[in-house]
Protein backbone atom coordinates (compact mmCIF):
# COMPACT_ATOMS: atom_id res chain seq x y z
CA MET A 1 -20.04 -19.81 -10.44
CA ASN A 2 -17.17 -18.09 -8.67
CA ASN A 3 -17.40 -18.75 -4.95
CA LYS A 4 -13.93 -17.71 -3.83
CA LYS A 5 -13.20 -14.03 -3.39
CA ILE A 6 -9.98 -12.12 -2.85
CA CYS A 7 -10.13 -8.50 -1.67
CA ILE A 8 -7.13 -6.15 -1.89
CA ILE A 9 -6.91 -3.34 0.64
CA GLY A 10 -4.14 -0.92 -0.19
CA ASN A 11 -2.76 2.30 -1.57
CA SER A 12 -1.28 3.16 -4.98
CA VAL A 13 1.35 0.41 -4.65
CA ALA A 14 -1.42 -2.05 -5.51
CA LEU A 15 -2.47 0.05 -8.50
CA ARG A 16 0.41 1.74 -10.31
CA VAL A 17 2.97 0.28 -12.70
CA ARG A 18 6.19 2.32 -12.85
CA PRO A 19 7.24 3.28 -15.38
CA ALA A 20 3.73 3.41 -16.80
CA LEU A 21 3.26 1.05 -19.73
CA GLU A 22 0.72 0.81 -22.52
CA HIS A 23 -1.94 -1.88 -22.62
CA PRO A 24 -1.60 -4.85 -22.40
CA GLU A 25 1.76 -4.55 -20.63
CA ASN A 26 0.46 -2.34 -17.80
CA LYS A 27 -0.78 -5.15 -15.56
CA ASN A 28 -0.45 -4.90 -11.79
CA TYR A 29 -0.32 -7.95 -9.53
CA TYR A 30 -4.10 -7.82 -9.06
CA GLN A 31 -4.66 -8.18 -12.81
CA LEU A 32 -2.05 -10.93 -13.09
CA LEU A 33 -3.71 -12.92 -10.30
CA GLN A 34 -7.10 -12.57 -12.00
CA GLU A 35 -5.79 -14.55 -14.95
CA VAL A 36 -4.74 -17.59 -12.91
CA ASP A 37 -7.98 -19.23 -11.84
CA ASN A 38 -11.53 -18.53 -13.01
CA ASN A 39 -12.90 -19.94 -9.77
CA TYR A 40 -11.70 -16.83 -7.97
CA SER A 41 -13.15 -13.33 -8.09
CA PHE A 42 -10.82 -10.44 -7.29
CA TYR A 43 -11.78 -7.04 -5.88
CA ASN A 44 -9.08 -4.39 -5.88
CA LEU A 45 -10.26 -1.74 -3.40
CA ALA A 46 -6.88 -0.01 -3.19
CA SER A 47 -6.85 3.79 -3.38
CA GLY A 48 -4.02 6.28 -3.77
CA ALA A 49 -2.58 7.94 -0.64
CA GLN A 50 -4.65 5.73 1.64
CA THR A 51 -3.60 5.35 5.28
CA VAL A 52 -4.57 2.76 7.88
CA LYS A 53 -6.78 5.38 9.50
CA ASP A 54 -8.62 5.90 6.21
CA VAL A 55 -9.16 2.15 5.88
CA TYR A 56 -10.39 1.71 9.43
CA LYS A 57 -12.87 4.60 9.09
CA SER A 58 -14.42 2.86 6.08
CA ILE A 59 -13.90 -0.74 7.20
CA ASP A 60 -17.46 -1.73 6.25
CA ASN A 61 -16.61 -1.10 2.58
CA TYR A 62 -14.12 -3.97 2.80
CA ILE A 63 -16.11 -6.25 5.06
CA ARG A 64 -19.20 -6.22 2.83
CA ILE A 65 -17.25 -8.09 0.12
CA PHE A 66 -17.03 -11.12 2.46
CA PRO A 67 -14.04 -12.66 0.68
CA THR A 68 -12.23 -15.85 1.55
CA GLN A 69 -8.91 -13.98 1.68
CA TYR A 70 -7.66 -10.43 2.00
CA ILE A 71 -4.41 -8.95 0.72
CA ILE A 72 -3.37 -5.90 2.75
CA ASN A 73 -0.87 -3.63 1.00
CA LEU A 74 -0.61 -0.60 3.28
CA GLY A 75 2.02 1.36 5.18
CA VAL A 76 4.13 3.40 2.79
CA VAL A 77 1.78 6.39 2.94
CA ASP A 78 1.68 6.21 6.74
CA SER A 79 5.40 5.69 7.37
CA CYS A 80 7.28 8.07 5.08
CA THR A 81 8.47 11.30 6.66
CA ARG A 82 6.59 14.32 5.31
CA GLU A 83 7.17 17.97 4.48
CA VAL A 84 3.56 19.01 5.17
CA PRO A 85 0.76 17.74 7.45
CA HIS A 86 -1.70 15.23 6.01
CA TRP A 87 -4.56 17.74 6.01
CA PHE A 88 -2.53 20.15 3.84
CA TYR A 89 -1.65 17.40 1.39
CA ARG A 90 -5.35 16.56 1.10
CA LEU A 91 -6.10 20.17 0.20
CA ALA A 92 -3.24 20.30 -2.31
CA THR A 93 -4.40 17.17 -4.14
CA GLN A 94 -8.07 18.05 -4.45
CA LYS A 95 -9.24 17.60 -8.04
CA SER A 96 -11.13 20.86 -8.14
CA LEU A 97 -11.23 24.03 -10.23
CA ASN A 98 -12.10 26.06 -7.15
CA PRO A 99 -9.55 28.95 -7.06
CA PHE A 100 -8.65 28.17 -3.44
CA TYR A 101 -7.71 24.56 -4.18
CA VAL A 102 -5.92 25.58 -7.38
CA PHE A 103 -3.82 28.06 -5.39
CA ILE A 104 -2.94 25.46 -2.72
CA THR A 105 -2.00 22.95 -5.42
CA LEU A 106 0.27 25.42 -7.20
CA LEU A 107 1.84 26.46 -3.88
CA TYR A 108 2.58 22.85 -3.03
CA ARG A 109 3.93 21.79 -6.40
CA ASN A 110 5.92 24.89 -7.32
CA ILE A 111 7.29 26.05 -4.00
CA ILE A 112 6.91 23.61 -1.10
CA ALA A 113 7.99 20.54 -3.09
CA LYS A 114 11.27 22.23 -4.00
CA PHE A 115 12.25 22.44 -0.32
CA ARG A 116 10.96 19.01 0.68
CA ASN A 117 14.14 17.78 2.35
CA THR A 118 14.53 20.91 4.48
CA LEU A 119 10.87 21.01 5.47
CA VAL A 120 10.93 17.33 6.48
CA LYS A 121 13.81 18.08 8.84
CA LEU A 122 12.12 21.20 10.22
CA ARG A 123 9.04 19.09 11.00
CA GLY A 124 11.21 16.65 12.95
CA LYS A 125 11.04 13.88 10.32
CA THR A 126 7.48 13.07 11.32
CA SER A 127 5.16 10.70 9.47
CA TRP A 128 1.49 11.24 8.74
CA ILE A 129 0.60 8.34 11.01
CA SER A 130 2.79 7.78 14.08
CA GLU A 131 4.06 4.30 14.94
CA SER A 132 1.70 4.00 17.90
CA LYS A 133 -1.36 5.04 15.86
CA PHE A 134 -0.30 2.83 12.97
CA GLU A 135 -0.12 -0.15 15.29
CA LYS A 136 -3.50 0.71 16.80
CA TYR A 137 -5.34 1.13 13.50
CA PHE A 138 -3.64 -1.77 11.73
CA GLU A 139 -4.52 -4.15 14.54
CA LEU A 140 -8.11 -2.88 14.57
CA ILE A 141 -8.36 -3.56 10.83
CA VAL A 142 -7.16 -7.13 11.33
CA ILE A 143 -9.42 -7.69 14.34
CA ASN A 144 -12.51 -6.45 12.49
CA ILE A 145 -11.78 -8.48 9.37
CA LEU A 146 -11.31 -11.68 11.37
CA LYS A 147 -14.35 -11.04 13.55
CA GLU A 148 -16.75 -10.19 10.74
CA THR A 149 -15.55 -12.42 7.88
CA ASN A 150 -13.22 -15.07 9.32
CA ALA A 151 -11.19 -14.64 6.13
CA LYS A 152 -7.48 -15.34 5.88
CA ILE A 153 -5.22 -12.31 5.61
CA ILE A 154 -2.03 -11.88 3.60
CA ILE A 155 -0.03 -8.81 4.63
CA LEU A 156 2.57 -7.35 2.26
CA SER A 157 5.47 -5.43 3.76
CA ILE A 158 6.35 -1.87 2.78
CA ASN A 159 8.89 -1.62 -0.04
CA ILE A 160 11.85 0.04 1.70
CA ALA A 161 12.57 3.43 0.13
CA ASN A 162 15.50 3.80 -2.25
CA GLN A 163 18.11 6.56 -1.99
CA ARG A 164 16.07 8.92 -4.19
CA VAL A 165 13.13 8.81 -1.80
CA GLU A 166 15.40 8.91 1.24
CA ALA A 167 17.11 12.06 -0.10
CA GLN A 168 13.75 13.83 -0.41
CA LEU A 169 12.14 12.37 2.70
CA PRO A 170 15.04 11.70 5.10
CA GLY A 171 14.36 9.16 7.82
CA SER A 172 11.82 7.21 5.77
CA MET A 173 13.90 4.04 5.44
CA LYS A 174 14.29 3.65 9.20
CA LYS A 175 10.61 4.32 9.82
CA GLN A 176 9.49 1.85 7.15
CA LYS A 177 11.54 -0.91 8.78
CA ASN A 178 9.83 -0.12 12.10
CA TYR A 179 6.37 -0.17 10.53
CA ASN A 180 7.14 -3.49 8.81
CA LYS A 181 8.09 -4.91 12.19
CA ILE A 182 4.75 -3.76 13.59
CA MET A 183 2.81 -5.46 10.77
CA LYS A 184 4.76 -8.69 11.12
CA GLU A 185 4.15 -8.79 14.87
CA ILE A 186 0.41 -8.31 14.32
CA ALA A 187 0.39 -10.97 11.60
CA ASP A 188 2.13 -13.41 13.93
CA LYS A 189 -0.17 -12.50 16.84
CA TYR A 190 -3.29 -13.38 14.84
CA ASN A 191 -1.71 -16.28 12.92
CA GLN A 192 -1.91 -14.58 9.52
CA VAL A 193 0.58 -14.49 6.64
CA PHE A 194 3.25 -11.78 6.39
CA VAL A 195 5.14 -11.45 3.10
CA GLU A 196 8.47 -9.64 3.23
CA THR A 197 8.52 -8.10 -0.26
CA ASN A 198 12.06 -6.82 0.17
CA GLY A 199 13.28 -10.40 0.05
CA ILE A 200 11.49 -10.97 -3.26
CA ILE A 201 12.12 -7.81 -5.28
CA GLU A 202 15.25 -5.90 -6.27
CA SER A 203 15.81 -2.18 -6.88
CA ASP A 204 14.79 -2.46 -10.55
CA ASP A 205 11.47 -3.93 -9.46
CA TYR A 206 10.39 -0.63 -7.84
CA PRO A 207 12.41 2.04 -9.68
CA ASP A 208 10.75 5.07 -8.08
CA GLY A 209 11.36 3.69 -4.59
CA VAL A 210 7.67 3.05 -3.93
CA HIS A 211 5.72 1.45 -6.79
CA PHE A 212 6.37 -1.83 -8.55
CA SER A 213 7.60 -2.02 -12.12
CA LYS A 214 6.22 -4.66 -14.48
CA SER A 215 8.79 -7.16 -13.19
CA GLY A 216 7.98 -6.23 -9.58
CA HIS A 217 4.27 -6.89 -10.05
CA GLU A 218 5.08 -10.20 -11.72
CA LYS A 219 7.25 -11.31 -8.80
CA ILE A 220 4.66 -10.28 -6.22
CA ALA A 221 1.89 -11.98 -8.19
CA LYS A 222 3.92 -15.19 -8.36
CA THR A 223 4.53 -15.13 -4.61
CA LEU A 224 0.88 -14.41 -3.82
CA SER A 225 -0.22 -17.09 -6.28
CA SER A 226 1.71 -19.75 -4.36
CA ILE A 227 -0.07 -18.70 -1.16
CA ILE A 228 -3.60 -18.18 -2.50
CA PHE A 229 -4.06 -21.06 -4.89
CA SER A 230 -3.59 -24.08 -2.67
CA ASP A 231 -4.80 -26.43 -5.43
CA GLY A 232 -1.52 -25.97 -7.27
CA ASN A 233 -2.94 -23.81 -10.06
CA ASN A 234 -0.27 -21.17 -9.54
CA LEU A 235 1.16 -18.37 -11.64
CA LYS A 236 4.11 -19.66 -13.66
């Protein structure tokens, strides 16, 4: 019987493989870790476009798993500079046939997205979640996890944007470095593990500037394996 649980809290970085591959090559680091040790059960509760505020508001969904360890893979959604407010993006990405939502989606994709760089600058290179709010919510997530589950936490850094992302969302690289610093300080404060992914992966390992490629997921899985599986049954 599996008695060790690992829960992943994250955004699309913990889900997508870029470029997308066909089965069975399309494995993310969660799937690769699942194959290492049958004594562990893995729960990938990552969701696209998820912010720290979203996670904190639904923290019970993560606590009820009661795992032995958590992997937190958040921050890129919060930190990148944006051309529209978060509420507008939510409207534009609604999967609905309602004419209102269809209109907003078309407006966003066909007009607003074409002027992304300019709009980011006009909005003052702001992020969806400010540094102060990010620090507040991220620390609250860690505090609640430790209080309710006493599980160990592994925190993955944000993959620093490449030049393609920086050209569209200027200022993102600088902000991501600041948000990584915040996460590391919180990890150190509560004696948890912080993994600097930018020291593990190269540009080819996240070709779109955000999501891991097959090789990126393999490198992250190998690193996490060495931390999680203390009995030496690690990913080769």
